[in-house]
Every structure is written in structure tokens, then in C-alpha cells.
Amino acid sequence: KRGSGKLVRHATGGAHGYFADFPEVMTGFVGWGNGLNAGVVIPHMNVPDIAPIIARLLELDFESQDGQVNEELFKN
């Protein structure tokens, strides 16, 4: 029967990921290629910052409600 077994259980609510309040859940982001400056290090970056960076590289018209773009990432 689909949706049953020891690994599947009924629950309410849910969550997507974890808060980065502790180092065990932190990760990295590496960007490389045309349009990006080499050697730029951003010590801390939030997940919502990724979408506007990618949109800018793809020259898409995208306005992020939450993300921030660090200008030093990009070549002029």
C-alpha cells in the first residue's frame, strides 16, 4: 500500500528546511562563470539571495521581495 510503513506517518503542518541558527545546517554557495568576478567571498548569504543572482545572470526581469544582490559579485 502506497504511503504506509515505518518511515511514513500521519502528521499535520510541516516545515521546509531548518533555521541556520546552528552551524550543523549551514552550507555554501559557489558561483563561477561569465558575468561573475573571480575571488569574491561573501561570508554569509541567505537562500532568498540566490534567485535574484541567477535572474540577473540570465538577464531575466525579476524583482525579489526578500533577496539581496551583492554588486561586487558581478563584472561591469
C-alpha atoms as a PDB file:
ATOM      1  CA  LYS A   1       0.000   0.000   0.000  1.00  0.00           C
ATOM      2  CA  ARG A   2       1.433   3.373  -1.029  1.00  0.00           C
ATOM      3  CA  GLY A   3       2.021   5.925   1.754  1.00  0.00           C
ATOM      4  CA  SER A   4       2.355   3.494   4.600  1.00  0.00           C
ATOM      5  CA  GLY A   5       5.100   1.799   6.549  1.00  0.00           C
ATOM      6  CA  LYS A   6       7.546   2.630   9.297  1.00  0.00           C
ATOM      7  CA  LEU A   7       9.021   5.651   7.507  1.00  0.00           C
ATOM      8  CA  VAL A   8       5.678   7.252   6.693  1.00  0.00           C
ATOM      9  CA  ARG A   9       3.424   8.573   9.402  1.00  0.00           C
ATOM     10  CA  HIS A  10       0.484  10.923   9.581  1.00  0.00           C
ATOM     11  CA  ALA A  11       1.354  14.454  10.623  1.00  0.00           C
ATOM     12  CA  THR A  12      -0.022  17.958  10.403  1.00  0.00           C
ATOM     13  CA  GLY A  13       1.834  21.124   9.492  1.00  0.00           C
ATOM     14  CA  GLY A  14       5.305  20.864   8.118  1.00  0.00           C
ATOM     15  CA  ALA A  15       8.474  22.741   7.519  1.00  0.00           C
ATOM     16  CA  HIS A  16      10.898  23.404   4.723  1.00  0.00           C
ATOM     17  CA  GLY A  17      14.463  23.116   5.892  1.00  0.00           C
ATOM     18  CA  TYR A  18      15.805  24.457   9.144  1.00  0.00           C
ATOM     19  CA  PHE A  19      16.787  27.826  10.544  1.00  0.00           C
ATOM     20  CA  ALA A  20      20.517  28.433  10.222  1.00  0.00           C
ATOM     21  CA  ASP A  21      20.798  29.096  13.942  1.00  0.00           C
ATOM     22  CA  PHE A  22      23.404  26.407  14.342  1.00  0.00           C
ATOM     23  CA  PRO A  23      26.444  25.570  12.179  1.00  0.00           C
ATOM     24  CA  GLU A  24      25.408  21.957  11.511  1.00  0.00           C
ATOM     25  CA  VAL A  25      22.868  23.108   8.899  1.00  0.00           C
ATOM     26  CA  MET A  26      24.913  25.794   7.135  1.00  0.00           C
ATOM     27  CA  THR A  27      26.087  25.231   3.575  1.00  0.00           C
ATOM     28  CA  GLY A  28      27.987  27.035   0.876  1.00  0.00           C
ATOM     29  CA  PHE A  29      27.303  28.682  -2.453  1.00  0.00           C
ATOM     30  CA  VAL A  30      29.826  28.726  -5.294  1.00  0.00           C
ATOM     31  CA  GLY A  31      29.277  30.787  -8.410  1.00  0.00           C
ATOM     32  CA  TRP A  32      31.606  30.651 -11.402  1.00  0.00           C
ATOM     33  CA  GLY A  33      31.355  31.793 -14.971  1.00  0.00           C
ATOM     34  CA  ASN A  34      30.803  34.628 -17.389  1.00  0.00           C
ATOM     35  CA  GLY A  35      29.493  37.725 -15.665  1.00  0.00           C
ATOM     36  CA  LEU A  36      30.922  36.970 -12.216  1.00  0.00           C
ATOM     37  CA  ASN A  37      34.065  38.426 -10.686  1.00  0.00           C
ATOM     38  CA  ALA A  38      36.699  35.930  -9.591  1.00  0.00           C
ATOM     39  CA  GLY A  39      37.717  35.615  -5.951  1.00  0.00           C
ATOM     40  CA  VAL A  40      34.731  37.348  -4.353  1.00  0.00           C
ATOM     41  CA  VAL A  41      33.916  35.903  -0.944  1.00  0.00           C
ATOM     42  CA  ILE A  42      30.614  36.606   0.762  1.00  0.00           C
ATOM     43  CA  PRO A  43      30.869  35.318   4.341  1.00  0.00           C
ATOM     44  CA  HIS A  44      27.112  34.879   4.854  1.00  0.00           C
ATOM     45  CA  MET A  45      24.380  34.626   2.279  1.00  0.00           C
ATOM     46  CA  ASN A  46      20.698  33.776   2.641  1.00  0.00           C
ATOM     47  CA  VAL A  47      18.766  31.366   0.426  1.00  0.00           C
ATOM     48  CA  PRO A  48      16.460  34.141  -0.909  1.00  0.00           C
ATOM     49  CA  ASP A  49      19.571  35.900  -2.281  1.00  0.00           C
ATOM     50  CA  ILE A  50      20.187  33.124  -4.822  1.00  0.00           C
ATOM     51  CA  ALA A  51      17.151  33.741  -7.056  1.00  0.00           C
ATOM     52  CA  PRO A  52      17.935  37.389  -7.886  1.00  0.00           C
ATOM     53  CA  ILE A  53      21.582  36.499  -8.568  1.00  0.00           C
ATOM     54  CA  ILE A  54      20.591  33.778 -11.027  1.00  0.00           C
ATOM     55  CA  ALA A  55      17.929  36.012 -12.603  1.00  0.00           C
ATOM     56  CA  ARG A  56      20.475  38.764 -13.169  1.00  0.00           C
ATOM     57  CA  LEU A  57      22.951  36.361 -14.766  1.00  0.00           C
ATOM     58  CA  LEU A  58      20.196  35.111 -17.074  1.00  0.00           C
ATOM     59  CA  GLU A  59      19.090  38.696 -17.775  1.00  0.00           C
ATOM     60  CA  LEU A  60      15.572  37.989 -16.524  1.00  0.00           C
ATOM     61  CA  ASP A  61      13.211  40.680 -15.289  1.00  0.00           C
ATOM     62  CA  PHE A  62      12.825  39.570 -11.680  1.00  0.00           C
ATOM     63  CA  GLU A  63      12.243  41.601  -8.565  1.00  0.00           C
ATOM     64  CA  SER A  64      12.864  39.713  -5.349  1.00  0.00           C
ATOM     65  CA  GLN A  65      10.794  40.541  -2.318  1.00  0.00           C
ATOM     66  CA  ASP A  66      13.396  39.171   0.091  1.00  0.00           C
ATOM     67  CA  GLY A  67      16.694  38.534  -1.698  1.00  0.00           C
ATOM     68  CA  GLN A  68      19.588  40.925  -1.886  1.00  0.00           C
ATOM     69  CA  VAL A  69      22.176  41.150  -4.646  1.00  0.00           C
ATOM     70  CA  ASN A  70      25.774  41.888  -3.719  1.00  0.00           C
ATOM     71  CA  GLU A  71      27.053  44.103  -6.560  1.00  0.00           C
ATOM     72  CA  GLU A  72      30.697  43.081  -6.114  1.00  0.00           C
ATOM     73  CA  LEU A  73      29.776  39.636  -7.483  1.00  0.00           C
ATOM     74  CA  PHE A  74      29.207  40.980 -10.986  1.00  0.00           C
ATOM     75  CA  LYS A  75      31.512  42.201 -13.700  1.00  0.00           C
ATOM     76  CA  ASN A  76      30.657  45.633 -15.098  1.00  0.00           C
END
